[in-house]
Amino acid sequence: MSMQQLQYDLLYGNIKLFAGTACPELSQEISDYLDLPLCGRDILEFPNENLFVKLHNSVRGQDCYVIQSTAGPVHRNLMELLILIQTLKLDSAGRITAVVPYLCYGRSDKKDKPRVPITARLVADMIQIAGADRYMTFDLHAGQIQGFFSIPGDVLRGFHILKDYLLEIAPCLQNPVVVTADLGFAKKGRVYADLLHTGLAFIEKKRTADIKNPISMTIIGDVKDRDIILVDDEVNTGGSMVHAVEILKEYGARNIYMVFIHPILSLNAAERLAELPVKRFITTNTVPISPEKKAILGDRLVYLSIGPLLAEVILRANEGRSVGAMFNE
């Protein structure tokens, strides 16, 4: 071991993994990959819905990682994250990293009308004030959210999880084209198109006053008699994807492969997706999908794990090695 590595270990200590209750399978997968146990903690809810956290052992001087997604129930999961971080801080952890595969309130990233909050900034502030020294997450809804944090972080891309599967099915596709569900995802869509050496098309979407029900208006690009790789960052209620598939079929698309990073799948989204003429639903486990929703989507669901990638990033962060080098960046 080099003197530099020894100094680093003395500064930050050994890896200590802590899991909230939001994504237990993912947390265990990270634990298994690193061959490190999840540290003991109690998370209790009192009758008044207040949460209480107690660590089983001291973390003084250790390099601690709190694994917690913040999808539904959003406020329970967010408060668990914040309280776990503060508990570690008060126990004199050497360094605390918030590992948040899905960061809530990402859509509230700007003041685009009078008298509204910028809640994404508020969430970033709370994570920092609770005591986090670093953060890790996947595919923020808007890049500027990184600027809401004054602590360093690793914003990873689900594309690196999805690309191997897409390359595997690409030879079976007929004259494929990548289609983004709206113009806002066009830049990221280009990455998928470059990977698969295909063209790129866009769905022009106009939002009404009801932001929960966007209306897809038209398609920019050629999709007729072509297999479609429909990409977006997340699926919440499924409304945008329903409109997207409908208009793609209207314009003569063949098979549709739906690709997205965060499977929020709130309300009856799984049922809405299951009714669509879609060949595959390809996503990741940044947000856990319940067994009931998996059953609804059936064997068309391709559910890829971010666990090994996150575990490797945690290991590199602990050892002081480059994360970008993993992706030749």
C-alpha atoms as a PDB file:
ATOM      1  CA  MET A   1       0.000   0.000   0.000  1.00  0.00           C
ATOM      2  CA  SER A   2       1.351   3.415  -0.986  1.00  0.00           C
ATOM      3  CA  MET A   3       1.898   6.202   1.538  1.00  0.00           C
ATOM      4  CA  GLN A   4      -0.776   8.243  -0.276  1.00  0.00           C
ATOM      5  CA  GLN A   5      -3.302   5.401   0.063  1.00  0.00           C
ATOM      6  CA  LEU A   6      -2.385   4.891   3.730  1.00  0.00           C
ATOM      7  CA  GLN A   7      -2.915   8.586   4.410  1.00  0.00           C
ATOM      8  CA  TYR A   8      -6.299   8.417   2.682  1.00  0.00           C
ATOM      9  CA  ASP A   9      -7.408   5.428   4.762  1.00  0.00           C
ATOM     10  CA  LEU A  10      -6.357   7.158   7.955  1.00  0.00           C
ATOM     11  CA  LEU A  11      -8.281  10.266   6.947  1.00  0.00           C
ATOM     12  CA  TYR A  12     -11.582   8.679   5.952  1.00  0.00           C
ATOM     13  CA  GLY A  13     -11.498   5.201   7.453  1.00  0.00           C
ATOM     14  CA  ASN A  14     -13.163   2.028   6.227  1.00  0.00           C
ATOM     15  CA  ILE A  15     -16.346   1.800   4.205  1.00  0.00           C
ATOM     16  CA  LYS A  16     -19.487   1.608   6.319  1.00  0.00           C
ATOM     17  CA  LEU A  17     -22.725   0.917   4.448  1.00  0.00           C
ATOM     18  CA  PHE A  18     -26.066   2.035   5.860  1.00  0.00           C
ATOM     19  CA  ALA A  19     -29.416   1.390   4.211  1.00  0.00           C
ATOM     20  CA  GLY A  20     -32.721   3.125   4.635  1.00  0.00           C
ATOM     21  CA  THR A  21     -35.921   1.196   4.020  1.00  0.00           C
ATOM     22  CA  ALA A  22     -36.580   2.481   0.476  1.00  0.00           C
ATOM     23  CA  CYS A  23     -34.465   0.056  -1.579  1.00  0.00           C
ATOM     24  CA  PRO A  24     -33.409  -2.962   0.517  1.00  0.00           C
ATOM     25  CA  GLU A  25     -32.663  -5.247  -2.463  1.00  0.00           C
ATOM     26  CA  LEU A  26     -30.359  -2.687  -4.082  1.00  0.00           C
ATOM     27  CA  SER A  27     -28.613  -2.027  -0.757  1.00  0.00           C
ATOM     28  CA  GLN A  28     -28.009  -5.742  -0.265  1.00  0.00           C
ATOM     29  CA  GLU A  29     -26.679  -6.058  -3.811  1.00  0.00           C
ATOM     30  CA  ILE A  30     -24.143  -3.294  -3.138  1.00  0.00           C
ATOM     31  CA  SER A  31     -23.213  -5.007   0.125  1.00  0.00           C
ATOM     32  CA  ASP A  32     -22.693  -8.342  -1.635  1.00  0.00           C
ATOM     33  CA  TYR A  33     -20.591  -6.798  -4.406  1.00  0.00           C
ATOM     34  CA  LEU A  34     -18.274  -5.099  -1.912  1.00  0.00           C
ATOM     35  CA  ASP A  35     -18.310  -8.123   0.418  1.00  0.00           C
ATOM     36  CA  LEU A  36     -19.156  -5.785   3.271  1.00  0.00           C
ATOM     37  CA  PRO A  37     -22.138  -6.122   5.630  1.00  0.00           C
ATOM     38  CA  LEU A  38     -24.841  -3.499   5.913  1.00  0.00           C
ATOM     39  CA  CYS A  39     -24.263  -1.817   9.260  1.00  0.00           C
ATOM     40  CA  GLY A  40     -26.841  -2.295  11.969  1.00  0.00           C
ATOM     41  CA  ARG A  41     -29.317   0.484  12.630  1.00  0.00           C
ATOM     42  CA  ASP A  42     -32.820   0.787  14.014  1.00  0.00           C
ATOM     43  CA  ILE A  43     -35.393   2.935  12.213  1.00  0.00           C
ATOM     44  CA  LEU A  44     -38.526   3.271  14.305  1.00  0.00           C
ATOM     45  CA  GLU A  45     -41.755   5.143  13.670  1.00  0.00           C
ATOM     46  CA  PHE A  46     -43.639   6.421  16.693  1.00  0.00           C
ATOM     47  CA  PRO A  47     -47.456   6.623  16.806  1.00  0.00           C
ATOM     48  CA  ASN A  48     -47.217  10.323  15.923  1.00  0.00           C
ATOM     49  CA  GLU A  49     -45.342   9.341  12.690  1.00  0.00           C
ATOM     50  CA  ASN A  50     -42.051  10.789  13.948  1.00  0.00           C
ATOM     51  CA  LEU A  51     -39.000   8.724  12.964  1.00  0.00           C
ATOM     52  CA  PHE A  52     -36.161   7.670  15.261  1.00  0.00           C
ATOM     53  CA  VAL A  53     -32.781   6.247  14.221  1.00  0.00           C
ATOM     54  CA  LYS A  54     -30.206   4.493  16.385  1.00  0.00           C
ATOM     55  CA  LEU A  55     -26.874   3.034  15.220  1.00  0.00           C
ATOM     56  CA  HIS A  56     -25.787  -0.329  16.588  1.00  0.00           C
ATOM     57  CA  ASN A  57     -22.083   0.625  16.610  1.00  0.00           C
ATOM     58  CA  SER A  58     -19.843   3.672  16.540  1.00  0.00           C
ATOM     59  CA  VAL A  59     -18.790   5.144  13.184  1.00  0.00           C
ATOM     60  CA  ARG A  60     -16.242   7.606  14.537  1.00  0.00           C
ATOM     61  CA  GLY A  61     -13.747   8.459  11.789  1.00  0.00           C
ATOM     62  CA  GLN A  62     -15.297   6.038   9.263  1.00  0.00           C
ATOM     63  CA  ASP A  63     -16.250   6.553   5.590  1.00  0.00           C
ATOM     64  CA  CYS A  64     -20.046   6.167   5.671  1.00  0.00           C
ATOM     65  CA  TYR A  65     -22.470   5.682   2.765  1.00  0.00           C
ATOM     66  CA  VAL A  66     -26.237   6.058   3.224  1.00  0.00           C
ATOM     67  CA  ILE A  67     -28.167   4.211   0.497  1.00  0.00           C
ATOM     68  CA  GLN A  68     -31.694   5.544   0.123  1.00  0.00           C
ATOM     69  CA  SER A  69     -33.858   6.280  -2.897  1.00  0.00           C
ATOM     70  CA  THR A  70     -36.448   9.041  -2.440  1.00  0.00           C
ATOM     71  CA  ALA A  71     -39.351   7.882  -4.569  1.00  0.00           C
ATOM     72  CA  GLY A  72     -42.673   7.086  -2.913  1.00  0.00           C
ATOM     73  CA  PRO A  73     -43.415   7.360  -0.088  1.00  0.00           C
ATOM     74  CA  VAL A  74     -41.363  10.468  -0.811  1.00  0.00           C
ATOM     75  CA  HIS A  75     -41.511  12.278   2.494  1.00  0.00           C
ATOM     76  CA  ARG A  76     -40.949   9.190   4.623  1.00  0.00           C
ATOM     77  CA  ASN A  77     -37.945   8.210   2.502  1.00  0.00           C
ATOM     78  CA  LEU A  78     -36.526  11.726   2.411  1.00  0.00           C
ATOM     79  CA  MET A  79     -36.779  12.114   6.188  1.00  0.00           C
ATOM     80  CA  GLU A  80     -35.145   8.705   6.716  1.00  0.00           C
ATOM     81  CA  LEU A  81     -32.248   9.866   4.541  1.00  0.00           C
ATOM     82  CA  LEU A  82     -31.844  13.143   6.418  1.00  0.00           C
ATOM     83  CA  ILE A  83     -32.089  11.586   9.877  1.00  0.00           C
ATOM     84  CA  LEU A  84     -29.633   8.803   9.015  1.00  0.00           C
ATOM     85  CA  ILE A  85     -27.149  11.398   7.747  1.00  0.00           C
ATOM     86  CA  GLN A  86     -27.510  13.543  10.860  1.00  0.00           C
ATOM     87  CA  THR A  87     -27.168  10.516  13.133  1.00  0.00           C
ATOM     88  CA  LEU A  88     -23.865   9.616  11.463  1.00  0.00           C
ATOM     89  CA  LYS A  89     -22.707  13.234  11.663  1.00  0.00           C
ATOM     90  CA  LEU A  90     -23.426  13.433  15.388  1.00  0.00           C
ATOM     91  CA  ASP A  91     -21.520  10.181  15.910  1.00  0.00           C
ATOM     92  CA  SER A  92     -18.410  11.795  14.375  1.00  0.00           C
ATOM     93  CA  ALA A  93     -18.287   9.902  11.070  1.00  0.00           C
ATOM     94  CA  GLY A  94     -15.159  10.772   9.108  1.00  0.00           C
ATOM     95  CA  ARG A  95     -17.069  11.357   5.865  1.00  0.00           C
ATOM     96  CA  ILE A  96     -20.719  10.873   4.870  1.00  0.00           C
ATOM     97  CA  THR A  97     -21.928  10.233   1.328  1.00  0.00           C
ATOM     98  CA  ALA A  98     -25.632  10.294   0.483  1.00  0.00           C
ATOM     99  CA  VAL A  99     -26.201   7.559  -2.121  1.00  0.00           C
ATOM    100  CA  VAL A 100     -29.559   8.560  -3.626  1.00  0.00           C
ATOM    101  CA  PRO A 101     -30.311   6.600  -6.816  1.00  0.00           C
ATOM    102  CA  TYR A 102     -33.412   8.710  -7.428  1.00  0.00           C
ATOM    103  CA  LEU A 103     -33.547  12.259  -6.069  1.00  0.00           C
ATOM    104  CA  CYS A 104     -37.058  13.544  -5.392  1.00  0.00           C
ATOM    105  CA  TYR A 105     -38.436  16.938  -6.437  1.00  0.00           C
ATOM    106  CA  GLY A 106     -36.173  17.046  -9.488  1.00  0.00           C
ATOM    107  CA  ARG A 107     -38.935  18.567 -11.620  1.00  0.00           C
ATOM    108  CA  SER A 108     -39.178  21.596  -9.326  1.00  0.00           C
ATOM    109  CA  ASP A 109     -35.859  23.033 -10.512  1.00  0.00           C
ATOM    110  CA  LYS A 110     -36.763  26.611 -11.481  1.00  0.00           C
ATOM    111  CA  LYS A 111     -39.180  29.424 -10.734  1.00  0.00           C
ATOM    112  CA  ASP A 112     -41.082  29.312 -14.016  1.00  0.00           C
ATOM    113  CA  LYS A 113     -44.183  31.120 -12.779  1.00  0.00           C
ATOM    114  CA  PRO A 114     -44.993  33.584  -9.975  1.00  0.00           C
ATOM    115  CA  ARG A 115     -45.280  32.439  -6.367  1.00  0.00           C
ATOM    116  CA  VAL A 116     -43.806  28.939  -6.704  1.00  0.00           C
ATOM    117  CA  PRO A 117     -40.840  27.287  -4.913  1.00  0.00           C
ATOM    118  CA  ILE A 118     -37.635  25.752  -6.240  1.00  0.00           C
ATOM    119  CA  THR A 119     -37.985  22.591  -4.201  1.00  0.00           C
ATOM    120  CA  ALA A 120     -35.025  20.771  -5.745  1.00  0.00           C
ATOM    121  CA  ARG A 121     -32.792  23.453  -4.230  1.00  0.00           C
ATOM    122  CA  LEU A 122     -34.499  22.996  -0.863  1.00  0.00           C
ATOM    123  CA  VAL A 123     -33.845  19.226  -0.954  1.00  0.00           C
ATOM    124  CA  ALA A 124     -30.170  19.836  -1.825  1.00  0.00           C
ATOM    125  CA  ASP A 125     -29.874  22.285   1.079  1.00  0.00           C
ATOM    126  CA  MET A 126     -31.430  19.815   3.518  1.00  0.00           C
ATOM    127  CA  ILE A 127     -29.068  17.013   2.510  1.00  0.00           C
ATOM    128  CA  GLN A 128     -26.080  19.293   3.073  1.00  0.00           C
ATOM    129  CA  ILE A 129     -27.351  20.758   6.346  1.00  0.00           C
ATOM    130  CA  ALA A 130     -28.068  17.254   7.671  1.00  0.00           C
ATOM    131  CA  GLY A 131     -24.339  16.602   7.343  1.00  0.00           C
ATOM    132  CA  ALA A 132     -23.573  14.979   3.983  1.00  0.00           C
ATOM    133  CA  ASP A 133     -20.071  15.622   2.662  1.00  0.00           C
ATOM    134  CA  ARG A 134     -20.745  14.095  -0.772  1.00  0.00           C
ATOM    135  CA  TYR A 135     -23.639  12.732  -2.793  1.00  0.00           C
ATOM    136  CA  MET A 136     -24.182  10.150  -5.530  1.00  0.00           C
ATOM    137  CA  THR A 137     -27.240   9.953  -7.752  1.00  0.00           C
ATOM    138  CA  PHE A 138     -28.472   8.944 -11.207  1.00  0.00           C
ATOM    139  CA  ASP A 139     -29.802  11.075 -14.054  1.00  0.00           C
ATOM    140  CA  LEU A 140     -31.067  14.277 -12.490  1.00  0.00           C
ATOM    141  CA  HIS A 141     -34.119  15.622 -14.282  1.00  0.00           C
ATOM    142  CA  ALA A 142     -32.206  18.811 -15.064  1.00  0.00           C
ATOM    143  CA  GLY A 143     -28.449  19.304 -15.108  1.00  0.00           C
ATOM    144  CA  GLN A 144     -28.596  22.586 -13.216  1.00  0.00           C
ATOM    145  CA  ILE A 145     -29.647  20.734 -10.054  1.00  0.00           C
ATOM    146  CA  GLN A 146     -25.958  19.873  -9.612  1.00  0.00           C
ATOM    147  CA  GLY A 147     -25.428  23.584  -9.026  1.00  0.00           C
ATOM    148  CA  PHE A 148     -27.818  23.504  -6.067  1.00  0.00           C
ATOM    149  CA  PHE A 149     -25.229  21.488  -4.130  1.00  0.00           C
ATOM    150  CA  SER A 150     -22.103  23.094  -2.703  1.00  0.00           C
ATOM    151  CA  ILE A 151     -20.666  19.663  -1.848  1.00  0.00           C
ATOM    152  CA  PRO A 152     -19.002  17.432  -4.459  1.00  0.00           C
ATOM    153  CA  GLY A 153     -20.994  14.645  -6.030  1.00  0.00           C
ATOM    154  CA  ASP A 154     -21.127  11.958  -8.693  1.00  0.00           C
ATOM    155  CA  VAL A 155     -24.109  12.215 -11.044  1.00  0.00           C
ATOM    156  CA  LEU A 156     -24.092   8.876 -12.821  1.00  0.00           C
ATOM    157  CA  ARG A 157     -25.944   7.963 -16.011  1.00  0.00           C
ATOM    158  CA  GLY A 158     -28.311   5.060 -16.339  1.00  0.00           C
ATOM    159  CA  PHE A 159     -27.234   4.913 -19.971  1.00  0.00           C
ATOM    160  CA  HIS A 160     -24.175   2.955 -18.838  1.00  0.00           C
ATOM    161  CA  ILE A 161     -26.482   0.292 -17.372  1.00  0.00           C
ATOM    162  CA  LEU A 162     -28.828   0.164 -20.367  1.00  0.00           C
ATOM    163  CA  LYS A 163     -26.350   0.222 -23.225  1.00  0.00           C
ATOM    164  CA  ASP A 164     -25.232  -3.418 -23.088  1.00  0.00           C
ATOM    165  CA  TYR A 165     -28.809  -4.663 -23.368  1.00  0.00           C
ATOM    166  CA  LEU A 166     -29.567  -2.222 -26.193  1.00  0.00           C
ATOM    167  CA  LEU A 167     -26.484  -3.365 -28.103  1.00  0.00           C
ATOM    168  CA  GLU A 168     -27.605  -6.965 -27.581  1.00  0.00           C
ATOM    169  CA  ILE A 169     -31.021  -6.426 -29.179  1.00  0.00           C
ATOM    170  CA  ALA A 170     -29.883  -3.937 -31.837  1.00  0.00           C
ATOM    171  CA  PRO A 171     -29.098  -6.591 -34.523  1.00  0.00           C
ATOM    172  CA  CYS A 172     -32.690  -7.839 -34.265  1.00  0.00           C
ATOM    173  CA  LEU A 173     -34.240  -4.432 -34.938  1.00  0.00           C
ATOM    174  CA  GLN A 174     -35.507  -3.392 -38.353  1.00  0.00           C
ATOM    175  CA  ASN A 175     -34.227   0.004 -39.504  1.00  0.00           C
ATOM    176  CA  PRO A 176     -34.271   1.310 -35.908  1.00  0.00           C
ATOM    177  CA  VAL A 177     -34.530   4.921 -34.819  1.00  0.00           C
ATOM    178  CA  VAL A 178     -34.181   6.482 -31.369  1.00  0.00           C
ATOM    179  CA  VAL A 179     -37.119   8.697 -30.405  1.00  0.00           C
ATOM    180  CA  THR A 180     -37.152  11.034 -27.410  1.00  0.00           C
ATOM    181  CA  ALA A 181     -40.435  11.460 -25.583  1.00  0.00           C
ATOM    182  CA  ASP A 182     -39.987  15.245 -25.664  1.00  0.00           C
ATOM    183  CA  LEU A 183     -37.568  17.861 -26.969  1.00  0.00           C
ATOM    184  CA  GLY A 184     -36.034  18.335 -23.516  1.00  0.00           C
ATOM    185  CA  PHE A 185     -34.459  14.868 -23.685  1.00  0.00           C
ATOM    186  CA  ALA A 186     -33.035  15.418 -27.183  1.00  0.00           C
ATOM    187  CA  LYS A 187     -29.408  15.866 -26.120  1.00  0.00           C
ATOM    188  CA  LYS A 188     -29.413  12.640 -24.101  1.00  0.00           C
ATOM    189  CA  GLY A 189     -31.276  10.916 -26.917  1.00  0.00           C
ATOM    190  CA  ARG A 190     -28.346  11.667 -29.203  1.00  0.00           C
ATOM    191  CA  VAL A 191     -26.130   9.534 -26.928  1.00  0.00           C
ATOM    192  CA  TYR A 192     -28.411   6.528 -27.489  1.00  0.00           C
ATOM    193  CA  ALA A 193     -28.524   7.165 -31.232  1.00  0.00           C
ATOM    194  CA  ASP A 194     -24.735   7.383 -31.449  1.00  0.00           C
ATOM    195  CA  LEU A 195     -24.393   4.123 -29.516  1.00  0.00           C
ATOM    196  CA  LEU A 196     -26.696   2.260 -31.878  1.00  0.00           C
ATOM    197  CA  HIS A 197     -25.627   4.138 -35.042  1.00  0.00           C
ATOM    198  CA  THR A 198     -29.215   5.109 -35.776  1.00  0.00           C
ATOM    199  CA  GLY A 199     -31.151   8.226 -36.648  1.00  0.00           C
ATOM    200  CA  LEU A 200     -32.873  10.387 -34.053  1.00  0.00           C
ATOM    201  CA  ALA A 201     -36.461  11.652 -33.993  1.00  0.00           C
ATOM    202  CA  PHE A 202     -38.347  13.767 -31.480  1.00  0.00           C
ATOM    203  CA  ILE A 203     -41.889  14.023 -30.191  1.00  0.00           C
ATOM    204  CA  GLU A 204     -42.981  17.632 -29.953  1.00  0.00           C
ATOM    205  CA  LYS A 205     -45.039  17.925 -26.806  1.00  0.00           C
ATOM    206  CA  LYS A 206     -47.169  20.850 -25.759  1.00  0.00           C
ATOM    207  CA  ARG A 207     -48.219  21.109 -22.146  1.00  0.00           C
ATOM    208  CA  THR A 208     -51.616  22.428 -21.120  1.00  0.00           C
ATOM    209  CA  ALA A 209     -52.348  24.221 -17.855  1.00  0.00           C
ATOM    210  CA  ASP A 210     -52.647  20.763 -16.285  1.00  0.00           C
ATOM    211  CA  ILE A 211     -48.976  19.755 -16.054  1.00  0.00           C
ATOM    212  CA  LYS A 212     -49.904  16.160 -15.227  1.00  0.00           C
ATOM    213  CA  ASN A 213     -51.405  15.638 -18.682  1.00  0.00           C
ATOM    214  CA  PRO A 214     -49.032  16.739 -21.449  1.00  0.00           C
ATOM    215  CA  ILE A 215     -50.293  16.400 -25.018  1.00  0.00           C
ATOM    216  CA  SER A 216     -47.995  15.010 -27.690  1.00  0.00           C
ATOM    217  CA  MET A 217     -48.594  16.982 -30.873  1.00  0.00           C
ATOM    218  CA  THR A 218     -46.371  15.711 -33.657  1.00  0.00           C
ATOM    219  CA  ILE A 219     -43.168  13.887 -34.567  1.00  0.00           C
ATOM    220  CA  ILE A 220     -40.029  15.507 -35.935  1.00  0.00           C
ATOM    221  CA  GLY A 221     -38.251  12.831 -37.962  1.00  0.00           C
ATOM    222  CA  ASP A 222     -39.020   9.614 -39.842  1.00  0.00           C
ATOM    223  CA  VAL A 223     -40.514   6.641 -37.938  1.00  0.00           C
ATOM    224  CA  LYS A 224     -42.655   4.938 -40.597  1.00  0.00           C
ATOM    225  CA  ASP A 225     -42.024   1.167 -40.859  1.00  0.00           C
ATOM    226  CA  ARG A 226     -39.142   1.442 -38.375  1.00  0.00           C
ATOM    227  CA  ASP A 227     -38.503  -0.132 -34.985  1.00  0.00           C
ATOM    228  CA  ILE A 228     -38.522   2.492 -32.246  1.00  0.00           C
ATOM    229  CA  ILE A 229     -36.337   2.916 -29.182  1.00  0.00           C
ATOM    230  CA  LEU A 230     -38.390   5.394 -27.174  1.00  0.00           C
ATOM    231  CA  VAL A 231     -36.247   7.015 -24.461  1.00  0.00           C
ATOM    232  CA  ASP A 232     -36.923   9.253 -21.471  1.00  0.00           C
ATOM    233  CA  ASP A 233     -35.481   9.816 -18.006  1.00  0.00           C
ATOM    234  CA  GLU A 234     -38.453   8.682 -15.923  1.00  0.00           C
ATOM    235  CA  VAL A 235     -41.999   7.389 -16.128  1.00  0.00           C
ATOM    236  CA  ASN A 236     -44.318   8.733 -13.450  1.00  0.00           C
ATOM    237  CA  THR A 237     -48.024   8.364 -14.271  1.00  0.00           C
ATOM    238  CA  GLY A 238     -47.266   7.093 -17.755  1.00  0.00           C
ATOM    239  CA  GLY A 239     -49.243   9.846 -19.485  1.00  0.00           C
ATOM    240  CA  SER A 240     -46.406  11.092 -21.670  1.00  0.00           C
ATOM    241  CA  MET A 241     -45.482   7.578 -22.766  1.00  0.00           C
ATOM    242  CA  VAL A 242     -49.098   6.702 -23.595  1.00  0.00           C
ATOM    243  CA  HIS A 243     -49.330   9.764 -25.853  1.00  0.00           C
ATOM    244  CA  ALA A 244     -45.921   8.995 -27.344  1.00  0.00           C
ATOM    245  CA  VAL A 245     -46.805   5.413 -28.261  1.00  0.00           C
ATOM    246  CA  GLU A 246     -50.157   6.472 -29.691  1.00  0.00           C
ATOM    247  CA  ILE A 247     -48.632   9.057 -31.996  1.00  0.00           C
ATOM    248  CA  LEU A 248     -45.773   6.754 -33.023  1.00  0.00           C
ATOM    249  CA  LYS A 249     -48.280   4.123 -34.098  1.00  0.00           C
ATOM    250  CA  GLU A 250     -50.306   6.801 -35.864  1.00  0.00           C
ATOM    251  CA  TYR A 251     -47.180   7.708 -37.865  1.00  0.00           C
ATOM    252  CA  GLY A 252     -46.597   4.077 -38.858  1.00  0.00           C
ATOM    253  CA  ALA A 253     -43.973   2.842 -36.361  1.00  0.00           C
ATOM    254  CA  ARG A 254     -43.321  -0.906 -36.101  1.00  0.00           C
ATOM    255  CA  ASN A 255     -42.178  -2.413 -32.778  1.00  0.00           C
ATOM    256  CA  ILE A 256     -41.621  -0.036 -29.872  1.00  0.00           C
ATOM    257  CA  TYR A 257     -39.022  -0.567 -27.139  1.00  0.00           C
ATOM    258  CA  MET A 258     -39.600   1.799 -24.211  1.00  0.00           C
ATOM    259  CA  VAL A 259     -36.400   2.796 -22.359  1.00  0.00           C
ATOM    260  CA  PHE A 260     -36.308   4.885 -19.181  1.00  0.00           C
ATOM    261  CA  ILE A 261     -34.072   5.250 -16.120  1.00  0.00           C
ATOM    262  CA  HIS A 262     -36.425   5.849 -13.191  1.00  0.00           C
ATOM    263  CA  PRO A 263     -39.558   3.640 -12.971  1.00  0.00           C
ATOM    264  CA  ILE A 264     -41.647   5.802 -10.641  1.00  0.00           C
ATOM    265  CA  LEU A 265     -44.855   4.141 -11.891  1.00  0.00           C
ATOM    266  CA  SER A 266     -47.229   6.025  -9.595  1.00  0.00           C
ATOM    267  CA  LEU A 267     -50.995   5.524  -9.459  1.00  0.00           C
ATOM    268  CA  ASN A 268     -52.072   3.131 -12.240  1.00  0.00           C
ATOM    269  CA  ALA A 269     -49.050   3.725 -14.465  1.00  0.00           C
ATOM    270  CA  ALA A 270     -48.144   0.028 -14.674  1.00  0.00           C
ATOM    271  CA  GLU A 271     -51.637  -0.807 -15.886  1.00  0.00           C
ATOM    272  CA  ARG A 272     -51.521   1.985 -18.478  1.00  0.00           C
ATOM    273  CA  LEU A 273     -48.169   0.794 -19.803  1.00  0.00           C
ATOM    274  CA  ALA A 274     -49.302  -2.834 -19.904  1.00  0.00           C
ATOM    275  CA  GLU A 275     -52.121  -1.890 -22.274  1.00  0.00           C
ATOM    276  CA  LEU A 276     -49.742  -0.331 -24.798  1.00  0.00           C
ATOM    277  CA  PRO A 277     -48.485  -2.164 -27.910  1.00  0.00           C
ATOM    278  CA  VAL A 278     -44.897  -2.093 -26.619  1.00  0.00           C
ATOM    279  CA  LYS A 279     -42.409  -4.914 -27.197  1.00  0.00           C
ATOM    280  CA  ARG A 280     -40.202  -4.276 -24.124  1.00  0.00           C
ATOM    281  CA  PHE A 281     -40.133  -1.981 -21.100  1.00  0.00           C
ATOM    282  CA  ILE A 282     -36.421  -1.505 -20.342  1.00  0.00           C
ATOM    283  CA  THR A 283     -35.544   0.261 -17.100  1.00  0.00           C
ATOM    284  CA  THR A 284     -33.335   0.175 -13.978  1.00  0.00           C
ATOM    285  CA  ASN A 285     -33.794  -0.319 -10.248  1.00  0.00           C
ATOM    286  CA  THR A 286     -33.031   3.250  -9.181  1.00  0.00           C
ATOM    287  CA  VAL A 287     -36.601   2.942  -7.906  1.00  0.00           C
ATOM    288  CA  PRO A 288     -37.874  -0.446  -6.677  1.00  0.00           C
ATOM    289  CA  ILE A 289     -40.770  -1.933  -8.644  1.00  0.00           C
ATOM    290  CA  SER A 290     -43.206  -3.856  -6.474  1.00  0.00           C
ATOM    291  CA  PRO A 291     -43.936  -7.529  -7.243  1.00  0.00           C
ATOM    292  CA  GLU A 292     -47.499  -6.541  -8.140  1.00  0.00           C
ATOM    293  CA  LYS A 293     -46.342  -4.044 -10.765  1.00  0.00           C
ATOM    294  CA  LYS A 294     -43.773  -6.487 -12.102  1.00  0.00           C
ATOM    295  CA  ALA A 295     -46.550  -9.014 -12.571  1.00  0.00           C
ATOM    296  CA  ILE A 296     -48.667  -6.479 -14.454  1.00  0.00           C
ATOM    297  CA  LEU A 297     -45.827  -5.708 -16.894  1.00  0.00           C
ATOM    298  CA  GLY A 298     -44.985  -9.402 -17.145  1.00  0.00           C
ATOM    299  CA  ASP A 299     -42.172 -10.785 -19.245  1.00  0.00           C
ATOM    300  CA  ARG A 300     -42.013  -7.582 -21.286  1.00  0.00           C
ATOM    301  CA  LEU A 301     -40.239  -5.904 -18.345  1.00  0.00           C
ATOM    302  CA  VAL A 302     -36.430  -5.813 -18.508  1.00  0.00           C
ATOM    303  CA  TYR A 303     -35.272  -4.663 -15.064  1.00  0.00           C
ATOM    304  CA  LEU A 304     -31.534  -3.902 -15.005  1.00  0.00           C
ATOM    305  CA  SER A 305     -29.569  -3.333 -11.811  1.00  0.00           C
ATOM    306  CA  ILE A 306     -27.432  -0.304 -10.988  1.00  0.00           C
ATOM    307  CA  GLY A 307     -26.001  -2.188  -7.973  1.00  0.00           C
ATOM    308  CA  PRO A 308     -22.601  -3.245  -9.365  1.00  0.00           C
ATOM    309  CA  LEU A 309     -21.979   0.204 -10.834  1.00  0.00           C
ATOM    310  CA  LEU A 310     -22.874   2.005  -7.610  1.00  0.00           C
ATOM    311  CA  ALA A 311     -20.750  -0.407  -5.592  1.00  0.00           C
ATOM    312  CA  GLU A 312     -17.753   0.220  -7.838  1.00  0.00           C
ATOM    313  CA  VAL A 313     -18.231   3.993  -7.539  1.00  0.00           C
ATOM    314  CA  ILE A 314     -18.371   3.688  -3.734  1.00  0.00           C
ATOM    315  CA  LEU A 315     -15.163   1.653  -3.766  1.00  0.00           C
ATOM    316  CA  ARG A 316     -13.395   4.178  -5.986  1.00  0.00           C
ATOM    317  CA  ALA A 317     -14.582   7.085  -3.832  1.00  0.00           C
ATOM    318  CA  ASN A 318     -13.205   5.389  -0.742  1.00  0.00           C
ATOM    319  CA  GLU A 319      -9.868   4.647  -2.394  1.00  0.00           C
ATOM    320  CA  GLY A 320      -9.536   8.098  -3.936  1.00  0.00           C
ATOM    321  CA  ARG A 321      -9.621   6.823  -7.530  1.00  0.00           C
ATOM    322  CA  SER A 322     -11.263   8.439 -10.546  1.00  0.00           C
ATOM    323  CA  VAL A 323     -14.899   7.611 -11.255  1.00  0.00           C
ATOM    324  CA  GLY A 324     -14.781   9.156 -14.714  1.00  0.00           C
ATOM    325  CA  ALA A 325     -12.085   6.681 -15.721  1.00  0.00           C
ATOM    326  CA  MET A 326     -14.709   3.929 -15.530  1.00  0.00           C
ATOM    327  CA  PHE A 327     -16.409   5.528 -18.530  1.00  0.00           C
ATOM    328  CA  ASN A 328     -13.264   6.755 -20.314  1.00  0.00           C
ATOM    329  CA  GLU A 329     -14.123  10.311 -19.306  1.00  0.00           C
END
